[in-house]
Amino acid sequence: IAAARGKSQLILSEARGKIQNEIKQQLDELSVRLEREAAESEARIEATMAQAVGQLVAAASDAARAVTERLVGIEVSDERARAAVDSVRDS
């Protein structure tokens, strides 16, 4: 009985070790996958934000040109309107 008990404890110990190794491997793989997905999500968010800012700057430049022409009667180039928007945005 003692030998059987010792053998069963050895089998259980080996099984426990294998299970722990499998769990560790799965957790490591999951961690790598989640880090990759998080990095991909951050990159998509940054790209979307950059695109949104670009569109906002373009709209603000167009509005600045239209307002200047309407209120002052001076036609402003795209470059000057963009520079004005950039200077306000950077301040």
PDB file of N, CA and C in Angstrom:
ATOM      1  N   ILE A   1       0.839  -1.192   0.000  1.00  0.00           N
ATOM      2  CA  ILE A   1       0.000   0.000   0.000  1.00  0.00           C
ATOM      3  C   ILE A   1       0.879   1.249   0.000  1.00  0.00           C
ATOM      4  N   ALA A   2       1.929   1.243   0.770  1.00  0.00           N
ATOM      5  CA  ALA A   2       2.826   2.398   0.834  1.00  0.00           C
ATOM      6  C   ALA A   2       3.470   2.643  -0.516  1.00  0.00           C
ATOM      7  N   ALA A   3       3.842   1.558  -1.201  1.00  0.00           N
ATOM      8  CA  ALA A   3       4.455   1.707  -2.526  1.00  0.00           C
ATOM      9  C   ALA A   3       3.441   2.277  -3.511  1.00  0.00           C
ATOM     10  N   ALA A   4       2.212   1.791  -3.449  1.00  0.00           N
ATOM     11  CA  ALA A   4       1.155   2.291  -4.338  1.00  0.00           C
ATOM     12  C   ALA A   4       0.870   3.757  -4.044  1.00  0.00           C
ATOM     13  N   ARG A   5       0.833   4.096  -2.765  1.00  0.00           N
ATOM     14  CA  ARG A   5       0.596   5.484  -2.377  1.00  0.00           C
ATOM     15  C   ARG A   5       1.737   6.368  -2.888  1.00  0.00           C
ATOM     16  N   GLY A   6       2.958   5.929  -2.735  1.00  0.00           N
ATOM     17  CA  GLY A   6       4.112   6.682  -3.219  1.00  0.00           C
ATOM     18  C   GLY A   6       4.067   6.851  -4.727  1.00  0.00           C
ATOM     19  N   LYS A   7       3.688   5.759  -5.428  1.00  0.00           N
ATOM     20  CA  LYS A   7       3.594   5.822  -6.890  1.00  0.00           C
ATOM     21  C   LYS A   7       2.483   6.777  -7.309  1.00  0.00           C
ATOM     22  N   SER A   8       1.350   6.724  -6.630  1.00  0.00           N
ATOM     23  CA  SER A   8       0.243   7.620  -6.987  1.00  0.00           C
ATOM     24  C   SER A   8       0.615   9.076  -6.705  1.00  0.00           C
ATOM     25  N   GLN A   9       1.344   9.319  -5.629  1.00  0.00           N
ATOM     26  CA  GLN A   9       1.787  10.684  -5.333  1.00  0.00           C
ATOM     27  C   GLN A   9       2.770  11.172  -6.387  1.00  0.00           C
ATOM     28  N   LEU A  10       3.624  10.272  -6.863  1.00  0.00           N
ATOM     29  CA  LEU A  10       4.563  10.627  -7.924  1.00  0.00           C
ATOM     30  C   LEU A  10       3.808  10.954  -9.206  1.00  0.00           C
ATOM     31  N   ILE A  11       2.822  10.127  -9.538  1.00  0.00           N
ATOM     32  CA  ILE A  11       2.015  10.363 -10.745  1.00  0.00           C
ATOM     33  C   ILE A  11       1.277  11.696 -10.623  1.00  0.00           C
ATOM     34  N   LEU A  12       0.681  11.950  -9.470  1.00  0.00           N
ATOM     35  CA  LEU A  12      -0.024  13.216  -9.251  1.00  0.00           C
ATOM     36  C   LEU A  12       0.928  14.402  -9.329  1.00  0.00           C
ATOM     37  N   SER A  13       2.101  14.245  -8.766  1.00  0.00           N
ATOM     38  CA  SER A  13       3.086  15.318  -8.798  1.00  0.00           C
ATOM     39  C   SER A  13       3.519  15.615 -10.228  1.00  0.00           C
ATOM     40  N   GLU A  14       3.754  14.559 -11.012  1.00  0.00           N
ATOM     41  CA  GLU A  14       4.135  14.750 -12.417  1.00  0.00           C
ATOM     42  C   GLU A  14       2.999  15.403 -13.196  1.00  0.00           C
ATOM     43  N   ALA A  15       1.769  14.939 -12.949  1.00  0.00           N
ATOM     44  CA  ALA A  15       0.611  15.517 -13.638  1.00  0.00           C
ATOM     45  C   ALA A  15       0.453  16.991 -13.268  1.00  0.00           C
ATOM     46  N   ARG A  16       0.610  17.298 -11.989  1.00  0.00           N
ATOM     47  CA  ARG A  16       0.513  18.678 -11.523  1.00  0.00           C
ATOM     48  C   ARG A  16       1.583  19.532 -12.204  1.00  0.00           C
ATOM     49  N   GLY A  17       2.792  19.014 -12.301  1.00  0.00           N
ATOM     50  CA  GLY A  17       3.875  19.746 -12.962  1.00  0.00           C
ATOM     51  C   GLY A  17       3.570  20.000 -14.425  1.00  0.00           C
ATOM     52  N   LYS A  18       3.047  18.972 -15.122  1.00  0.00           N
ATOM     53  CA  LYS A  18       2.691  19.141 -16.537  1.00  0.00           C
ATOM     54  C   LYS A  18       1.589  20.181 -16.697  1.00  0.00           C
ATOM     55  N   ILE A  19       0.585  20.103 -15.836  1.00  0.00           N
ATOM     56  CA  ILE A  19      -0.523  21.059 -15.911  1.00  0.00           C
ATOM     57  C   ILE A  19      -0.023  22.476 -15.649  1.00  0.00           C
ATOM     58  N   GLN A  20       0.832  22.634 -14.653  1.00  0.00           N
ATOM     59  CA  GLN A  20       1.375  23.961 -14.353  1.00  0.00           C
ATOM     60  C   GLN A  20       2.194  24.498 -15.523  1.00  0.00           C
ATOM     61  N   ASN A  21       2.973  23.617 -16.163  1.00  0.00           N
ATOM     62  CA  ASN A  21       3.757  24.042 -17.329  1.00  0.00           C
ATOM     63  C   ASN A  21       2.848  24.451 -18.479  1.00  0.00           C
ATOM     64  N   GLU A  22       1.782  23.670 -18.708  1.00  0.00           N
ATOM     65  CA  GLU A  22       0.839  24.004 -19.773  1.00  0.00           C
ATOM     66  C   GLU A  22       0.142  25.332 -19.487  1.00  0.00           C
ATOM     67  N   ILE A  23      -0.258  25.524 -18.248  1.00  0.00           N
ATOM     68  CA  ILE A  23      -0.913  26.781 -17.875  1.00  0.00           C
ATOM     69  C   ILE A  23       0.038  27.954 -18.069  1.00  0.00           C
ATOM     70  N   LYS A  24       1.290  27.791 -17.651  1.00  0.00           N
ATOM     71  CA  LYS A  24       2.273  28.865 -17.815  1.00  0.00           C
ATOM     72  C   LYS A  24       2.478  29.176 -19.291  1.00  0.00           C
ATOM     73  N   GLN A  25       2.585  28.131 -20.120  1.00  0.00           N
ATOM     74  CA  GLN A  25       2.768  28.336 -21.549  1.00  0.00           C
ATOM     75  C   GLN A  25       1.561  29.061 -22.141  1.00  0.00           C
ATOM     76  N   GLN A  26       0.359  28.647 -21.770  1.00  0.00           N
ATOM     77  CA  GLN A  26      -0.840  29.300 -22.287  1.00  0.00           C
ATOM     78  C   GLN A  26      -0.920  30.756 -21.837  1.00  0.00           C
ATOM     79  N   LEU A  27      -0.561  31.013 -20.585  1.00  0.00           N
ATOM     80  CA  LEU A  27      -0.566  32.389 -20.095  1.00  0.00           C
ATOM     81  C   LEU A  27       0.469  33.246 -20.814  1.00  0.00           C
ATOM     82  N   ASP A  28       1.639  32.666 -21.064  1.00  0.00           N
ATOM     83  CA  ASP A  28       2.673  33.400 -21.804  1.00  0.00           C
ATOM     84  C   ASP A  28       2.199  33.725 -23.215  1.00  0.00           C
ATOM     85  N   GLU A  29       1.588  32.745 -23.882  1.00  0.00           N
ATOM     86  CA  GLU A  29       1.071  32.964 -25.234  1.00  0.00           C
ATOM     87  C   GLU A  29      -0.030  34.017 -25.229  1.00  0.00           C
ATOM     88  N   LEU A  30      -0.905  33.950 -24.243  1.00  0.00           N
ATOM     89  CA  LEU A  30      -1.977  34.933 -24.130  1.00  0.00           C
ATOM     90  C   LEU A  30      -1.410  36.326 -23.883  1.00  0.00           C
ATOM     91  N   SER A  31      -0.410  36.412 -23.042  1.00  0.00           N
ATOM     92  CA  SER A  31       0.213  37.698 -22.752  1.00  0.00           C
ATOM     93  C   SER A  31       0.824  38.308 -24.011  1.00  0.00           C
ATOM     94  N   VAL A  32       1.519  37.487 -24.785  1.00  0.00           N
ATOM     95  CA  VAL A  32       2.125  37.968 -26.034  1.00  0.00           C
ATOM     96  C   VAL A  32       1.035  38.438 -26.988  1.00  0.00           C
ATOM     97  N   ARG A  33      -0.037  37.643 -27.109  1.00  0.00           N
ATOM     98  CA  ARG A  33      -1.130  38.003 -28.013  1.00  0.00           C
ATOM     99  C   ARG A  33      -1.793  39.309 -27.577  1.00  0.00           C
ATOM    100  N   LEU A  34      -2.043  39.449 -26.288  1.00  0.00           N
ATOM    101  CA  LEU A  34      -2.687  40.664 -25.796  1.00  0.00           C
ATOM    102  C   LEU A  34      -1.798  41.887 -25.975  1.00  0.00           C
ATOM    103  N   GLU A  35      -0.502  41.737 -25.762  1.00  0.00           N
ATOM    104  CA  GLU A  35       0.422  42.853 -25.984  1.00  0.00           C
ATOM    105  C   GLU A  35       0.426  43.264 -27.450  1.00  0.00           C
ATOM    106  N   ARG A  36       0.426  42.272 -28.349  1.00  0.00           N
ATOM    107  CA  ARG A  36       0.404  42.566 -29.782  1.00  0.00           C
ATOM    108  C   ARG A  36      -0.900  43.272 -30.158  1.00  0.00           C
ATOM    109  N   GLU A  37      -2.025  42.759 -29.665  1.00  0.00           N
ATOM    110  CA  GLU A  37      -3.312  43.367 -29.981  1.00  0.00           C
ATOM    111  C   GLU A  37      -3.419  44.779 -29.408  1.00  0.00           C
ATOM    112  N   ALA A  38      -2.881  44.984 -28.224  1.00  0.00           N
ATOM    113  CA  ALA A  38      -2.898  46.323 -27.627  1.00  0.00           C
ATOM    114  C   ALA A  38      -2.062  47.289 -28.462  1.00  0.00           C
ATOM    115  N   ALA A  39      -0.903  46.838 -28.909  1.00  0.00           N
ATOM    116  CA  ALA A  39      -0.045  47.691 -29.745  1.00  0.00           C
ATOM    117  C   ALA A  39      -0.734  48.015 -31.068  1.00  0.00           C
ATOM    118  N   GLU A  40      -1.389  47.020 -31.660  1.00  0.00           N
ATOM    119  CA  GLU A  40      -2.116  47.252 -32.911  1.00  0.00           C
ATOM    120  C   GLU A  40      -3.260  48.237 -32.696  1.00  0.00           C
ATOM    121  N   SER A  41      -3.964  48.099 -31.593  1.00  0.00           N
ATOM    122  CA  SER A  41      -5.067  49.015 -31.282  1.00  0.00           C
ATOM    123  C   SER A  41      -4.551  50.434 -31.078  1.00  0.00           C
ATOM    124  N   GLU A  42      -3.455  50.568 -30.355  1.00  0.00           N
ATOM    125  CA  GLU A  42      -2.870  51.889 -30.136  1.00  0.00           C
ATOM    126  C   GLU A  42      -2.452  52.520 -31.457  1.00  0.00           C
ATOM    127  N   ALA A  43      -1.890  51.719 -32.353  1.00  0.00           N
ATOM    128  CA  ALA A  43      -1.476  52.243 -33.656  1.00  0.00           C
ATOM    129  C   ALA A  43      -2.696  52.705 -34.456  1.00  0.00           C
ATOM    130  N   ARG A  44      -3.780  51.919 -34.413  1.00  0.00           N
ATOM    131  CA  ARG A  44      -5.002  52.316 -35.121  1.00  0.00           C
ATOM    132  C   ARG A  44      -5.583  53.597 -34.525  1.00  0.00           C
ATOM    133  N   ILE A  45      -5.558  53.703 -33.209  1.00  0.00           N
ATOM    134  CA  ILE A  45      -6.077  54.905 -32.551  1.00  0.00           C
ATOM    135  C   ILE A  45      -5.242  56.116 -32.938  1.00  0.00           C
ATOM    136  N   GLU A  46      -3.923  55.973 -32.923  1.00  0.00           N
ATOM    137  CA  GLU A  46      -3.047  57.089 -33.300  1.00  0.00           C
ATOM    138  C   GLU A  46      -3.282  57.509 -34.747  1.00  0.00           C
ATOM    139  N   ALA A  47      -3.443  56.533 -35.640  1.00  0.00           N
ATOM    140  CA  ALA A  47      -3.690  56.851 -37.047  1.00  0.00           C
ATOM    141  C   ALA A  47      -5.029  57.560 -37.211  1.00  0.00           C
ATOM    142  N   THR A  48      -6.033  57.100 -36.506  1.00  0.00           N
ATOM    143  CA  THR A  48      -7.351  57.727 -36.571  1.00  0.00           C
ATOM    144  C   THR A  48      -7.302  59.146 -36.023  1.00  0.00           C
ATOM    145  N   MET A  49      -6.593  59.321 -34.918  1.00  0.00           N
ATOM    146  CA  MET A  49      -6.455  60.659 -34.340  1.00  0.00           C
ATOM    147  C   MET A  49      -5.719  61.598 -35.297  1.00  0.00           C
ATOM    148  N   ALA A  50      -4.659  61.106 -35.909  1.00  0.00           N
ATOM    149  CA  ALA A  50      -3.901  61.932 -36.855  1.00  0.00           C
ATOM    150  C   ALA A  50      -4.782  62.326 -38.039  1.00  0.00           C
ATOM    151  N   GLN A  51      -5.564  61.382 -38.523  1.00  0.00           N
ATOM    152  CA  GLN A  51      -6.468  61.669 -39.636  1.00  0.00           C
ATOM    153  C   GLN A  51      -7.520  62.696 -39.212  1.00  0.00           C
ATOM    154  N   ALA A  52      -8.072  62.531 -38.021  1.00  0.00           N
ATOM    155  CA  ALA A  52      -9.086  63.467 -37.529  1.00  0.00           C
ATOM    156  C   ALA A  52      -8.506  64.867 -37.359  1.00  0.00           C
ATOM    157  N   VAL A  53      -7.303  64.952 -36.813  1.00  0.00           N
ATOM    158  CA  VAL A  53      -6.659  66.260 -36.643  1.00  0.00           C
ATOM    159  C   VAL A  53      -6.411  66.895 -38.005  1.00  0.00           C
ATOM    160  N   GLY A  54      -5.963  66.092 -38.962  1.00  0.00           N
ATOM    161  CA  GLY A  54      -5.738  66.613 -40.311  1.00  0.00           C
ATOM    162  C   GLY A  54      -7.014  67.163 -40.927  1.00  0.00           C
ATOM    163  N   GLN A  55      -8.105  66.437 -40.753  1.00  0.00           N
ATOM    164  CA  GLN A  55      -9.387  66.901 -41.284  1.00  0.00           C
ATOM    165  C   GLN A  55      -9.867  68.153 -40.557  1.00  0.00           C
ATOM    166  N   LEU A  56      -9.645  68.200 -39.259  1.00  0.00           N
ATOM    167  CA  LEU A  56     -10.036  69.370 -38.480  1.00  0.00           C
ATOM    168  C   LEU A  56      -9.230  70.597 -38.895  1.00  0.00           C
ATOM    169  N   VAL A  57      -7.943  70.408 -39.108  1.00  0.00           N
ATOM    170  CA  VAL A  57      -7.093  71.525 -39.543  1.00  0.00           C
ATOM    171  C   VAL A  57      -7.529  72.004 -40.925  1.00  0.00           C
ATOM    172  N   ALA A  58      -7.845  71.074 -41.815  1.00  0.00           N
ATOM    173  CA  ALA A  58      -8.303  71.461 -43.154  1.00  0.00           C
ATOM    174  C   ALA A  58      -9.610  72.246 -43.068  1.00  0.00           C
ATOM    175  N   ALA A  59     -10.535  71.778 -42.239  1.00  0.00           N
ATOM    176  CA  ALA A  59     -11.811  72.481 -42.086  1.00  0.00           C
ATOM    177  C   ALA A  59     -11.601  73.860 -41.460  1.00  0.00           C
ATOM    178  N   ALA A  60     -10.731  73.943 -40.464  1.00  0.00           N
ATOM    179  CA  ALA A  60     -10.451  75.230 -39.822  1.00  0.00           C
ATOM    180  C   ALA A  60      -9.785  76.191 -40.802  1.00  0.00           C
ATOM    181  N   SER A  61      -8.904  75.672 -41.643  1.00  0.00           N
ATOM    182  CA  SER A  61      -8.246  76.515 -42.650  1.00  0.00           C
ATOM    183  C   SER A  61      -9.263  77.049 -43.644  1.00  0.00           C
ATOM    184  N   ASP A  62     -10.151  76.182 -44.094  1.00  0.00           N
ATOM    185  CA  ASP A  62     -11.201  76.617 -45.023  1.00  0.00           C
ATOM    186  C   ASP A  62     -12.094  77.673 -44.377  1.00  0.00           C
ATOM    187  N   ALA A  63     -12.445  77.452 -43.119  1.00  0.00           N
ATOM    188  CA  ALA A  63     -13.291  78.415 -42.411  1.00  0.00           C
ATOM    189  C   ALA A  63     -12.564  79.746 -42.242  1.00  0.00           C
ATOM    190  N   ALA A  64     -11.285  79.696 -41.909  1.00  0.00           N
ATOM    191  CA  ALA A  64     -10.505  80.925 -41.740  1.00  0.00           C
ATOM    192  C   ALA A  64     -10.432  81.706 -43.049  1.00  0.00           C
ATOM    193  N   ARG A  65     -10.236  80.987 -44.142  1.00  0.00           N
ATOM    194  CA  ARG A  65     -10.190  81.653 -45.452  1.00  0.00           C
ATOM    195  C   ARG A  65     -11.528  82.312 -45.760  1.00  0.00           C
ATOM    196  N   ALA A  66     -12.618  81.584 -45.537  1.00  0.00           N
ATOM    197  CA  ALA A  66     -13.949  82.105 -45.851  1.00  0.00           C
ATOM    198  C   ALA A  66     -14.299  83.308 -44.974  1.00  0.00           C
ATOM    199  N   VAL A  67     -13.996  83.224 -43.693  1.00  0.00           N
ATOM    200  CA  VAL A  67     -14.305  84.325 -42.775  1.00  0.00           C
ATOM    201  C   VAL A  67     -13.483  85.555 -43.127  1.00  0.00           C
ATOM    202  N   THR A  68     -12.209  85.366 -43.408  1.00  0.00           N
ATOM    203  CA  THR A  68     -11.348  86.500 -43.759  1.00  0.00           C
ATOM    204  C   THR A  68     -11.842  87.172 -45.032  1.00  0.00           C
ATOM    205  N   GLU A  69     -12.198  86.375 -46.011  1.00  0.00           N
ATOM    206  CA  GLU A  69     -12.677  86.949 -47.268  1.00  0.00           C
ATOM    207  C   GLU A  69     -14.010  87.668 -47.059  1.00  0.00           C
ATOM    208  N   ARG A  70     -14.879  87.068 -46.270  1.00  0.00           N
ATOM    209  CA  ARG A  70     -16.201  87.657 -46.074  1.00  0.00           C
ATOM    210  C   ARG A  70     -16.147  88.919 -45.201  1.00  0.00           C
ATOM    211  N   LEU A  71     -15.372  88.884 -44.130  1.00  0.00           N
ATOM    212  CA  LEU A  71     -15.348  90.021 -43.208  1.00  0.00           C
ATOM    213  C   LEU A  71     -14.424  91.143 -43.650  1.00  0.00           C
ATOM    214  N   VAL A  72     -13.275  90.770 -44.198  1.00  0.00           N
ATOM    215  CA  VAL A  72     -12.274  91.782 -44.536  1.00  0.00           C
ATOM    216  C   VAL A  72     -12.211  92.035 -46.037  1.00  0.00           C
ATOM    217  N   GLY A  73     -12.670  91.066 -46.805  1.00  0.00           N
ATOM    218  CA  GLY A  73     -12.633  91.217 -48.249  1.00  0.00           C
ATOM    219  C   GLY A  73     -11.288  90.874 -48.852  1.00  0.00           C
ATOM    220  N   ILE A  74     -10.445  90.173 -48.095  1.00  0.00           N
ATOM    221  CA  ILE A  74      -9.124  89.785 -48.580  1.00  0.00           C
ATOM    222  C   ILE A  74      -9.120  88.281 -48.806  1.00  0.00           C
ATOM    223  N   GLU A  75      -8.626  87.899 -49.977  1.00  0.00           N
ATOM    224  CA  GLU A  75      -8.517  86.469 -50.267  1.00  0.00           C
ATOM    225  C   GLU A  75      -7.184  85.954 -49.717  1.00  0.00           C
ATOM    226  N   VAL A  76      -7.265  84.933 -48.889  1.00  0.00           N
ATOM    227  CA  VAL A  76      -6.082  84.365 -48.244  1.00  0.00           C
ATOM    228  C   VAL A  76      -5.764  83.028 -48.911  1.00  0.00           C
ATOM    229  N   SER A  77      -4.482  82.779 -49.143  1.00  0.00           N
ATOM    230  CA  SER A  77      -4.082  81.510 -49.763  1.00  0.00           C
ATOM    231  C   SER A  77      -4.278  80.352 -48.782  1.00  0.00           C
ATOM    232  N   ASP A  78      -4.336  79.160 -49.343  1.00  0.00           N
ATOM    233  CA  ASP A  78      -4.451  77.961 -48.504  1.00  0.00           C
ATOM    234  C   ASP A  78      -3.284  77.872 -47.524  1.00  0.00           C
ATOM    235  N   GLU A  79      -2.086  78.187 -48.012  1.00  0.00           N
ATOM    236  CA  GLU A  79      -0.894  78.082 -47.179  1.00  0.00           C
ATOM    237  C   GLU A  79      -0.944  79.048 -45.992  1.00  0.00           C
ATOM    238  N   ARG A  80      -1.373  80.284 -46.252  1.00  0.00           N
ATOM    239  CA  ARG A  80      -1.437  81.280 -45.164  1.00  0.00           C
ATOM    240  C   ARG A  80      -2.521  80.914 -44.158  1.00  0.00           C
ATOM    241  N   ALA A  81      -3.643  80.421 -44.650  1.00  0.00           N
ATOM    242  CA  ALA A  81      -4.713  80.004 -43.736  1.00  0.00           C
ATOM    243  C   ALA A  81      -4.244  78.829 -42.889  1.00  0.00           C
ATOM    244  N   ARG A  82      -3.560  77.905 -43.527  1.00  0.00           N
ATOM    245  CA  ARG A  82      -3.039  76.742 -42.790  1.00  0.00           C
ATOM    246  C   ARG A  82      -2.004  77.186 -41.755  1.00  0.00           C
ATOM    247  N   ALA A  83      -1.148  78.123 -42.134  1.00  0.00           N
ATOM    248  CA  ALA A  83      -0.142  78.630 -41.197  1.00  0.00           C
ATOM    249  C   ALA A  83      -0.812  79.316 -40.007  1.00  0.00           C
ATOM    250  N   ALA A  84      -1.888  80.048 -40.260  1.00  0.00           N
ATOM    251  CA  ALA A  84      -2.604  80.712 -39.170  1.00  0.00           C
ATOM    252  C   ALA A  84      -3.229  79.680 -38.231  1.00  0.00           C
ATOM    253  N   VAL A  85      -3.840  78.665 -38.798  1.00  0.00           N
ATOM    254  CA  VAL A  85      -4.445  77.605 -37.980  1.00  0.00           C
ATOM    255  C   VAL A  85      -3.363  76.881 -37.189  1.00  0.00           C
ATOM    256  N   ASP A  86      -2.245  76.581 -37.840  1.00  0.00           N
ATOM    257  CA  ASP A  86      -1.149  75.894 -37.145  1.00  0.00           C
ATOM    258  C   ASP A  86      -0.602  76.733 -35.996  1.00  0.00           C
ATOM    259  N   SER A  87      -0.492  78.048 -36.206  1.00  0.00           N
ATOM    260  CA  SER A  87       0.050  78.896 -35.141  1.00  0.00           C
ATOM    261  C   SER A  87      -0.904  78.945 -33.948  1.00  0.00           C
ATOM    262  N   VAL A  88      -2.196  78.956 -34.207  1.00  0.00           N
ATOM    263  CA  VAL A  88      -3.167  78.939 -33.111  1.00  0.00           C
ATOM    264  C   VAL A  88      -3.145  77.580 -32.421  1.00  0.00           C
ATOM    265  N   ARG A  89      -3.054  76.537 -33.195  1.00  0.00           N
ATOM    266  CA  ARG A  89      -3.047  75.179 -32.642  1.00  0.00           C
ATOM    267  C   ARG A  89      -1.797  74.934 -31.800  1.00  0.00           C
ATOM    268  N   ASP A  90      -0.671  75.484 -32.214  1.00  0.00           N
ATOM    269  CA  ASP A  90       0.595  75.270 -31.504  1.00  0.00           C
ATOM    270  C   ASP A  90       0.732  76.132 -30.254  1.00  0.00           C
ATOM    271  N   SER A  91      -0.114  77.161 -30.138  1.00  0.00           N
ATOM    272  CA  SER A  91       0.029  78.052 -28.972  1.00  0.00           C
ATOM    273  C   SER A  91      -0.685  77.524 -27.746  1.00  0.00           C
TER     274      SER A  91
END
